[in-house]
Amino acid sequence: MTIARKPKKPNEVEIATLIEKGGSVPKSHKRAGKTDLKNVQLRLSENIISDIDNIRQQNIVAPSRHAWILTAIKEKIGRDVKTTS
């Protein structure tokens, strides 16, 4: 068991100095090359989610549900682009 000293309480001057120092506004964390991402809310029935999960589990390493849905969307877009061209 590690024994540590009890931390000392800061005095009023230290507290005031810290408050006056202030801080900076949080910077937005943009992923390199992925600045065009948008959040989308998706509502699916329990049956569809169950079907997706059953299909995912058939892989040796099941992809996340998110990854599976993205792959399905990309495949659908690829098929639709080929049929409209």
PDB file of N, CA and C in Angstrom:
ATOM      1  N   MET A   1       0.839  -1.176   0.000  1.00  0.00           N
ATOM      2  CA  MET A   1       0.000   0.000   0.000  1.00  0.00           C
ATOM      3  C   MET A   1       0.881   1.236   0.000  1.00  0.00           C
ATOM      4  N   THR A   2       0.586   2.155  -0.887  1.00  0.00           N
ATOM      5  CA  THR A   2       1.354   3.380  -0.986  1.00  0.00           C
ATOM      6  C   THR A   2       0.832   4.391   0.020  1.00  0.00           C
ATOM      7  N   ILE A   3       1.773   5.020   0.690  1.00  0.00           N
ATOM      8  CA  ILE A   3       1.402   6.053   1.658  1.00  0.00           C
ATOM      9  C   ILE A   3       1.774   7.398   1.052  1.00  0.00           C
ATOM     10  N   ALA A   4       0.812   8.285   1.031  1.00  0.00           N
ATOM     11  CA  ALA A   4       1.041   9.625   0.492  1.00  0.00           C
ATOM     12  C   ALA A   4       0.677  10.650   1.538  1.00  0.00           C
ATOM     13  N   ARG A   5       1.324  11.772   1.418  1.00  0.00           N
ATOM     14  CA  ARG A   5       1.003  12.851   2.343  1.00  0.00           C
ATOM     15  C   ARG A   5      -0.351  13.433   2.010  1.00  0.00           C
ATOM     16  N   LYS A   6      -0.998  13.894   3.030  1.00  0.00           N
ATOM     17  CA  LYS A   6      -2.276  14.560   2.852  1.00  0.00           C
ATOM     18  C   LYS A   6      -2.022  15.866   2.107  1.00  0.00           C
ATOM     19  N   PRO A   7      -2.775  16.112   1.008  1.00  0.00           N
ATOM     20  CA  PRO A   7      -2.528  17.351   0.265  1.00  0.00           C
ATOM     21  C   PRO A   7      -2.858  18.573   1.113  1.00  0.00           C
ATOM     22  N   LYS A   8      -2.034  19.609   0.947  1.00  0.00           N
ATOM     23  CA  LYS A   8      -2.284  20.823   1.722  1.00  0.00           C
ATOM     24  C   LYS A   8      -3.400  21.613   1.061  1.00  0.00           C
ATOM     25  N   LYS A   9      -4.158  22.296   1.851  1.00  0.00           N
ATOM     26  CA  LYS A   9      -5.252  23.108   1.345  1.00  0.00           C
ATOM     27  C   LYS A   9      -4.673  24.398   0.794  1.00  0.00           C
ATOM     28  N   PRO A  10      -5.116  24.803  -0.399  1.00  0.00           N
ATOM     29  CA  PRO A  10      -4.618  26.064  -0.946  1.00  0.00           C
ATOM     30  C   PRO A  10      -5.173  27.236  -0.139  1.00  0.00           C
ATOM     31  N   ASN A  11      -4.366  28.274  -0.031  1.00  0.00           N
ATOM     32  CA  ASN A  11      -4.855  29.446   0.700  1.00  0.00           C
ATOM     33  C   ASN A  11      -5.649  30.340  -0.242  1.00  0.00           C
ATOM     34  N   GLU A  12      -6.259  31.347   0.286  1.00  0.00           N
ATOM     35  CA  GLU A  12      -7.130  32.237  -0.491  1.00  0.00           C
ATOM     36  C   GLU A  12      -6.371  32.924  -1.621  1.00  0.00           C
ATOM     37  N   VAL A  13      -5.108  33.258  -1.418  1.00  0.00           N
ATOM     38  CA  VAL A  13      -4.322  33.933  -2.449  1.00  0.00           C
ATOM     39  C   VAL A  13      -4.108  32.993  -3.630  1.00  0.00           C
ATOM     40  N   GLU A  14      -3.779  31.735  -3.348  1.00  0.00           N
ATOM     41  CA  GLU A  14      -3.580  30.763  -4.421  1.00  0.00           C
ATOM     42  C   GLU A  14      -4.873  30.531  -5.211  1.00  0.00           C
ATOM     43  N   ILE A  15      -5.979  30.480  -4.505  1.00  0.00           N
ATOM     44  CA  ILE A  15      -7.272  30.288  -5.163  1.00  0.00           C
ATOM     45  C   ILE A  15      -7.586  31.486  -6.055  1.00  0.00           C
ATOM     46  N   ALA A  16      -7.410  32.678  -5.538  1.00  0.00           N
ATOM     47  CA  ALA A  16      -7.689  33.890  -6.310  1.00  0.00           C
ATOM     48  C   ALA A  16      -6.773  33.976  -7.532  1.00  0.00           C
ATOM     49  N   THR A  17      -5.505  33.606  -7.372  1.00  0.00           N
ATOM     50  CA  THR A  17      -4.555  33.634  -8.485  1.00  0.00           C
ATOM     51  C   THR A  17      -4.995  32.668  -9.581  1.00  0.00           C
ATOM     52  N   LEU A  18      -5.418  31.491  -9.200  1.00  0.00           N
ATOM     53  CA  LEU A  18      -5.870  30.492 -10.171  1.00  0.00           C
ATOM     54  C   LEU A  18      -7.107  30.979 -10.916  1.00  0.00           C
ATOM     55  N   ILE A  19      -8.047  31.567 -10.184  1.00  0.00           N
ATOM     56  CA  ILE A  19      -9.273  32.067 -10.813  1.00  0.00           C
ATOM     57  C   ILE A  19      -8.959  33.224 -11.764  1.00  0.00           C
ATOM     58  N   GLU A  20      -8.100  34.138 -11.357  1.00  0.00           N
ATOM     59  CA  GLU A  20      -7.754  35.289 -12.191  1.00  0.00           C
ATOM     60  C   GLU A  20      -6.970  34.878 -13.428  1.00  0.00           C
ATOM     61  N   LYS A  21      -6.204  33.804 -13.303  1.00  0.00           N
ATOM     62  CA  LYS A  21      -5.426  33.307 -14.432  1.00  0.00           C
ATOM     63  C   LYS A  21      -6.353  32.933 -15.580  1.00  0.00           C
ATOM     64  N   GLY A  22      -7.504  32.402 -15.233  1.00  0.00           N
ATOM     65  CA  GLY A  22      -8.480  32.037 -16.251  1.00  0.00           C
ATOM     66  C   GLY A  22      -8.014  30.859 -17.071  1.00  0.00           C
ATOM     67  N   GLY A  23      -8.645  30.680 -18.183  1.00  0.00           N
ATOM     68  CA  GLY A  23      -8.308  29.568 -19.059  1.00  0.00           C
ATOM     69  C   GLY A  23      -8.598  29.942 -20.490  1.00  0.00           C
ATOM     70  N   SER A  24      -8.496  28.961 -21.341  1.00  0.00           N
ATOM     71  CA  SER A  24      -8.776  29.217 -22.747  1.00  0.00           C
ATOM     72  C   SER A  24     -10.051  28.483 -23.146  1.00  0.00           C
ATOM     73  N   VAL A  25     -10.622  28.925 -24.223  1.00  0.00           N
ATOM     74  CA  VAL A  25     -11.816  28.284 -24.760  1.00  0.00           C
ATOM     75  C   VAL A  25     -11.388  26.950 -25.352  1.00  0.00           C
ATOM     76  N   PRO A  26     -12.144  25.896 -25.098  1.00  0.00           N
ATOM     77  CA  PRO A  26     -11.762  24.603 -25.665  1.00  0.00           C
ATOM     78  C   PRO A  26     -11.675  24.676 -27.182  1.00  0.00           C
ATOM     79  N   LYS A  27     -10.632  24.051 -27.715  1.00  0.00           N
ATOM     80  CA  LYS A  27     -10.448  24.011 -29.161  1.00  0.00           C
ATOM     81  C   LYS A  27     -11.236  22.843 -29.713  1.00  0.00           C
ATOM     82  N   SER A  28     -11.738  23.019 -30.921  1.00  0.00           N
ATOM     83  CA  SER A  28     -12.453  21.901 -31.524  1.00  0.00           C
ATOM     84  C   SER A  28     -11.421  20.885 -31.992  1.00  0.00           C
ATOM     85  N   HIS A  29     -11.677  19.652 -31.703  1.00  0.00           N
ATOM     86  CA  HIS A  29     -10.770  18.583 -32.083  1.00  0.00           C
ATOM     87  C   HIS A  29     -11.273  17.978 -33.380  1.00  0.00           C
ATOM     88  N   LYS A  30     -10.629  18.353 -34.465  1.00  0.00           N
ATOM     89  CA  LYS A  30     -11.021  17.822 -35.762  1.00  0.00           C
ATOM     90  C   LYS A  30     -10.054  16.717 -36.135  1.00  0.00           C
ATOM     91  N   ARG A  31     -10.610  15.615 -36.596  1.00  0.00           N
ATOM     92  CA  ARG A  31      -9.780  14.502 -37.033  1.00  0.00           C
ATOM     93  C   ARG A  31      -9.198  14.841 -38.391  1.00  0.00           C
ATOM     94  N   ALA A  32      -7.965  14.442 -38.571  1.00  0.00           N
ATOM     95  CA  ALA A  32      -7.307  14.711 -39.845  1.00  0.00           C
ATOM     96  C   ALA A  32      -8.062  14.034 -40.979  1.00  0.00           C
ATOM     97  N   GLY A  33      -8.492  14.822 -41.950  1.00  0.00           N
ATOM     98  CA  GLY A  33      -9.172  14.273 -43.110  1.00  0.00           C
ATOM     99  C   GLY A  33     -10.628  13.911 -42.874  1.00  0.00           C
ATOM    100  N   LYS A  34     -11.125  14.113 -41.697  1.00  0.00           N
ATOM    101  CA  LYS A  34     -12.509  13.738 -41.412  1.00  0.00           C
ATOM    102  C   LYS A  34     -13.306  14.935 -40.898  1.00  0.00           C
ATOM    103  N   THR A  35     -13.019  16.090 -41.423  1.00  0.00           N
ATOM    104  CA  THR A  35     -13.690  17.300 -40.949  1.00  0.00           C
ATOM    105  C   THR A  35     -15.098  17.431 -41.505  1.00  0.00           C
ATOM    106  N   ASP A  36     -15.438  16.579 -42.483  1.00  0.00           N
ATOM    107  CA  ASP A  36     -16.755  16.697 -43.096  1.00  0.00           C
ATOM    108  C   ASP A  36     -17.774  15.740 -42.484  1.00  0.00           C
ATOM    109  N   LEU A  37     -17.479  15.170 -41.332  1.00  0.00           N
ATOM    110  CA  LEU A  37     -18.407  14.242 -40.681  1.00  0.00           C
ATOM    111  C   LEU A  37     -19.594  14.988 -40.083  1.00  0.00           C
ATOM    112  N   LYS A  38     -20.749  14.396 -40.200  1.00  0.00           N
ATOM    113  CA  LYS A  38     -21.969  14.937 -39.601  1.00  0.00           C
ATOM    114  C   LYS A  38     -22.610  13.850 -38.758  1.00  0.00           C
ATOM    115  N   ASN A  39     -23.166  14.221 -37.646  1.00  0.00           N
ATOM    116  CA  ASN A  39     -23.891  13.274 -36.808  1.00  0.00           C
ATOM    117  C   ASN A  39     -25.289  13.071 -37.368  1.00  0.00           C
ATOM    118  N   VAL A  40     -25.729  11.815 -37.361  1.00  0.00           N
ATOM    119  CA  VAL A  40     -27.057  11.471 -37.845  1.00  0.00           C
ATOM    120  C   VAL A  40     -27.709  10.578 -36.802  1.00  0.00           C
ATOM    121  N   GLN A  41     -28.920  10.916 -36.443  1.00  0.00           N
ATOM    122  CA  GLN A  41     -29.651  10.069 -35.503  1.00  0.00           C
ATOM    123  C   GLN A  41     -30.437   9.046 -36.317  1.00  0.00           C
ATOM    124  N   LEU A  42     -30.320   7.783 -35.936  1.00  0.00           N
ATOM    125  CA  LEU A  42     -30.960   6.709 -36.680  1.00  0.00           C
ATOM    126  C   LEU A  42     -31.808   5.885 -35.724  1.00  0.00           C
ATOM    127  N   ARG A  43     -33.056   5.719 -36.053  1.00  0.00           N
ATOM    128  CA  ARG A  43     -33.951   4.919 -35.228  1.00  0.00           C
ATOM    129  C   ARG A  43     -34.262   3.636 -35.984  1.00  0.00           C
ATOM    130  N   LEU A  44     -33.992   2.493 -35.350  1.00  0.00           N
ATOM    131  CA  LEU A  44     -34.240   1.189 -35.952  1.00  0.00           C
ATOM    132  C   LEU A  44     -35.092   0.358 -35.013  1.00  0.00           C
ATOM    133  N   SER A  45     -35.923  -0.497 -35.584  1.00  0.00           N
ATOM    134  CA  SER A  45     -36.734  -1.378 -34.749  1.00  0.00           C
ATOM    135  C   SER A  45     -35.838  -2.448 -34.121  1.00  0.00           C
ATOM    136  N   GLU A  46     -36.328  -3.040 -33.053  1.00  0.00           N
ATOM    137  CA  GLU A  46     -35.563  -4.103 -32.384  1.00  0.00           C
ATOM    138  C   GLU A  46     -35.332  -5.277 -33.325  1.00  0.00           C
ATOM    139  N   ASN A  47     -36.295  -5.548 -34.218  1.00  0.00           N
ATOM    140  CA  ASN A  47     -36.141  -6.651 -35.167  1.00  0.00           C
ATOM    141  C   ASN A  47     -34.979  -6.404 -36.125  1.00  0.00           C
ATOM    142  N   ILE A  48     -34.866  -5.190 -36.640  1.00  0.00           N
ATOM    143  CA  ILE A  48     -33.770  -4.870 -37.557  1.00  0.00           C
ATOM    144  C   ILE A  48     -32.439  -4.956 -36.829  1.00  0.00           C
ATOM    145  N   ILE A  49     -32.367  -4.428 -35.627  1.00  0.00           N
ATOM    146  CA  ILE A  49     -31.127  -4.489 -34.851  1.00  0.00           C
ATOM    147  C   ILE A  49     -30.751  -5.941 -34.578  1.00  0.00           C
ATOM    148  N   SER A  50     -31.732  -6.753 -34.244  1.00  0.00           N
ATOM    149  CA  SER A  50     -31.485  -8.169 -33.998  1.00  0.00           C
ATOM    150  C   SER A  50     -30.958  -8.852 -35.259  1.00  0.00           C
ATOM    151  N   ASP A  51     -31.562  -8.549 -36.414  1.00  0.00           N
ATOM    152  CA  ASP A  51     -31.096  -9.117 -37.683  1.00  0.00           C
ATOM    153  C   ASP A  51     -29.655  -8.704 -37.973  1.00  0.00           C
ATOM    154  N   ILE A  52     -29.357  -7.423 -37.770  1.00  0.00           N
ATOM    155  CA  ILE A  52     -27.994  -6.922 -37.990  1.00  0.00           C
ATOM    156  C   ILE A  52     -27.013  -7.650 -37.072  1.00  0.00           C
ATOM    157  N   ASP A  53     -27.363  -7.768 -35.794  1.00  0.00           N
ATOM    158  CA  ASP A  53     -26.467  -8.421 -34.842  1.00  0.00           C
ATOM    159  C   ASP A  53     -26.254  -9.892 -35.186  1.00  0.00           C
ATOM    160  N   ASN A  54     -27.296 -10.569 -35.650  1.00  0.00           N
ATOM    161  CA  ASN A  54     -27.148 -11.979 -36.049  1.00  0.00           C
ATOM    162  C   ASN A  54     -26.208 -12.115 -37.242  1.00  0.00           C
ATOM    163  N   ILE A  55     -26.315 -11.219 -38.200  1.00  0.00           N
ATOM    164  CA  ILE A  55     -25.426 -11.247 -39.367  1.00  0.00           C
ATOM    165  C   ILE A  55     -24.000 -10.931 -38.944  1.00  0.00           C
ATOM    166  N   ARG A  56     -23.820  -9.934 -38.089  1.00  0.00           N
ATOM    167  CA  ARG A  56     -22.479  -9.548 -37.618  1.00  0.00           C
ATOM    168  C   ARG A  56     -21.775 -10.693 -36.926  1.00  0.00           C
ATOM    169  N   GLN A  57     -22.521 -11.467 -36.138  1.00  0.00           N
ATOM    170  CA  GLN A  57     -21.928 -12.552 -35.355  1.00  0.00           C
ATOM    171  C   GLN A  57     -21.454 -13.712 -36.217  1.00  0.00           C
ATOM    172  N   GLN A  58     -21.844 -13.739 -37.485  1.00  0.00           N
ATOM    173  CA  GLN A  58     -21.408 -14.810 -38.379  1.00  0.00           C
ATOM    174  C   GLN A  58     -19.955 -14.646 -38.813  1.00  0.00           C
ATOM    175  N   ASN A  59     -19.381 -13.459 -38.627  1.00  0.00           N
ATOM    176  CA  ASN A  59     -17.980 -13.212 -38.964  1.00  0.00           C
ATOM    177  C   ASN A  59     -17.080 -13.752 -37.866  1.00  0.00           C
ATOM    178  N   ILE A  60     -15.844 -14.087 -38.222  1.00  0.00           N
ATOM    179  CA  ILE A  60     -14.882 -14.567 -37.226  1.00  0.00           C
ATOM    180  C   ILE A  60     -14.672 -13.494 -36.168  1.00  0.00           C
ATOM    181  N   VAL A  61     -14.466 -12.276 -36.620  1.00  0.00           N
ATOM    182  CA  VAL A  61     -14.387 -11.119 -35.717  1.00  0.00           C
ATOM    183  C   VAL A  61     -15.529 -10.192 -36.111  1.00  0.00           C
ATOM    184  N   ALA A  62     -16.512 -10.091 -35.255  1.00  0.00           N
ATOM    185  CA  ALA A  62     -17.695  -9.297 -35.569  1.00  0.00           C
ATOM    186  C   ALA A  62     -17.353  -7.812 -35.584  1.00  0.00           C
ATOM    187  N   PRO A  63     -17.686  -7.124 -36.689  1.00  0.00           N
ATOM    188  CA  PRO A  63     -17.477  -5.673 -36.699  1.00  0.00           C
ATOM    189  C   PRO A  63     -18.474  -5.007 -35.753  1.00  0.00           C
ATOM    190  N   SER A  64     -18.165  -3.801 -35.344  1.00  0.00           N
ATOM    191  CA  SER A  64     -19.121  -3.078 -34.509  1.00  0.00           C
ATOM    192  C   SER A  64     -20.385  -2.843 -35.316  1.00  0.00           C
ATOM    193  N   ARG A  65     -21.467  -2.609 -34.638  1.00  0.00           N
ATOM    194  CA  ARG A  65     -22.732  -2.323 -35.326  1.00  0.00           C
ATOM    195  C   ARG A  65     -22.571  -1.079 -36.204  1.00  0.00           C
ATOM    196  N   HIS A  66     -21.876  -0.080 -35.682  1.00  0.00           N
ATOM    197  CA  HIS A  66     -21.634   1.158 -36.430  1.00  0.00           C
ATOM    198  C   HIS A  66     -20.886   0.854 -37.733  1.00  0.00           C
ATOM    199  N   ALA A  67     -19.797   0.080 -37.630  1.00  0.00           N
ATOM    200  CA  ALA A  67     -19.010  -0.261 -38.820  1.00  0.00           C
ATOM    201  C   ALA A  67     -19.840  -1.062 -39.809  1.00  0.00           C
ATOM    202  N   TRP A  68     -20.647  -1.980 -39.306  1.00  0.00           N
ATOM    203  CA  TRP A  68     -21.476  -2.799 -40.187  1.00  0.00           C
ATOM    204  C   TRP A  68     -22.474  -1.926 -40.950  1.00  0.00           C
ATOM    205  N   ILE A  69     -23.116  -0.999 -40.246  1.00  0.00           N
ATOM    206  CA  ILE A  69     -24.100  -0.118 -40.878  1.00  0.00           C
ATOM    207  C   ILE A  69     -23.425   0.774 -41.917  1.00  0.00           C
ATOM    208  N   LEU A  70     -22.231   1.307 -41.608  1.00  0.00           N
ATOM    209  CA  LEU A  70     -21.500   2.130 -42.583  1.00  0.00           C
ATOM    210  C   LEU A  70     -21.175   1.326 -43.837  1.00  0.00           C
ATOM    211  N   THR A  71     -20.714   0.090 -43.640  1.00  0.00           N
ATOM    212  CA  THR A  71     -20.402  -0.772 -44.780  1.00  0.00           C
ATOM    213  C   THR A  71     -21.644  -1.030 -45.621  1.00  0.00           C
ATOM    214  N   ALA A  72     -22.768  -1.301 -44.964  1.00  0.00           N
ATOM    215  CA  ALA A  72     -24.021  -1.557 -45.682  1.00  0.00           C
ATOM    216  C   ALA A  72     -24.448  -0.323 -46.480  1.00  0.00           C
ATOM    217  N   ILE A  73     -24.298   0.843 -45.888  1.00  0.00           N
ATOM    218  CA  ILE A  73     -24.665   2.081 -46.587  1.00  0.00           C
ATOM    219  C   ILE A  73     -23.773   2.285 -47.810  1.00  0.00           C
ATOM    220  N   LYS A  74     -22.449   2.074 -47.637  1.00  0.00           N
ATOM    221  CA  LYS A  74     -21.521   2.247 -48.760  1.00  0.00           C
ATOM    222  C   LYS A  74     -21.832   1.264 -49.878  1.00  0.00           C
ATOM    223  N   GLU A  75     -22.151   0.016 -49.525  1.00  0.00           N
ATOM    224  CA  GLU A  75     -22.498  -0.979 -50.545  1.00  0.00           C
ATOM    225  C   GLU A  75     -23.759  -0.562 -51.294  1.00  0.00           C
ATOM    226  N   LYS A  76     -24.756  -0.077 -50.578  1.00  0.00           N
ATOM    227  CA  LYS A  76     -26.010   0.359 -51.188  1.00  0.00           C
ATOM    228  C   LYS A  76     -25.767   1.549 -52.118  1.00  0.00           C
ATOM    229  N   ILE A  77     -24.969   2.498 -51.679  1.00  0.00           N
ATOM    230  CA  ILE A  77     -24.648   3.654 -52.521  1.00  0.00           C
ATOM    231  C   ILE A  77     -23.919   3.192 -53.779  1.00  0.00           C
ATOM    232  N   GLY A  78     -22.975   2.268 -53.615  1.00  0.00           N
ATOM    233  CA  GLY A  78     -22.229   1.745 -54.766  1.00  0.00           C
ATOM    234  C   GLY A  78     -23.148   1.077 -55.778  1.00  0.00           C
ATOM    235  N   ARG A  79     -24.114   0.302 -55.297  1.00  0.00           N
ATOM    236  CA  ARG A  79     -25.071  -0.348 -56.195  1.00  0.00           C
ATOM    237  C   ARG A  79     -25.944   0.693 -56.897  1.00  0.00           C
ATOM    238  N   ASP A  80     -26.416   1.667 -56.160  1.00  0.00           N
ATOM    239  CA  ASP A  80     -27.303   2.683 -56.731  1.00  0.00           C
ATOM    240  C   ASP A  80     -26.578   3.554 -57.751  1.00  0.00           C
ATOM    241  N   VAL A  81     -25.311   3.855 -57.497  1.00  0.00           N
ATOM    242  CA  VAL A  81     -24.538   4.666 -58.432  1.00  0.00           C
ATOM    243  C   VAL A  81     -24.334   3.902 -59.738  1.00  0.00           C
ATOM    244  N   LYS A  82     -24.096   2.602 -59.650  1.00  0.00           N
ATOM    245  CA  LYS A  82     -23.892   1.792 -60.855  1.00  0.00           C
ATOM    246  C   LYS A  82     -25.173   1.715 -61.693  1.00  0.00           C
ATOM    247  N   THR A  83     -26.338   1.638 -61.033  1.00  0.00           N
ATOM    248  CA  THR A  83     -27.592   1.509 -61.774  1.00  0.00           C
ATOM    249  C   THR A  83     -28.038   2.819 -62.396  1.00  0.00           C
ATOM    250  N   THR A  84     -27.614   3.950 -61.824  1.00  0.00           N
ATOM    251  CA  THR A  84     -28.028   5.242 -62.375  1.00  0.00           C
ATOM    252  C   THR A  84     -27.052   5.751 -63.423  1.00  0.00           C
ATOM    253  N   SER A  85     -25.889   5.140 -63.533  1.00  0.00           N
ATOM    254  CA  SER A  85     -24.877   5.600 -64.505  1.00  0.00           C
ATOM    255  C   SER A  85     -25.154   5.073 -65.886  1.00  0.00           C
TER     256      SER A  85
END
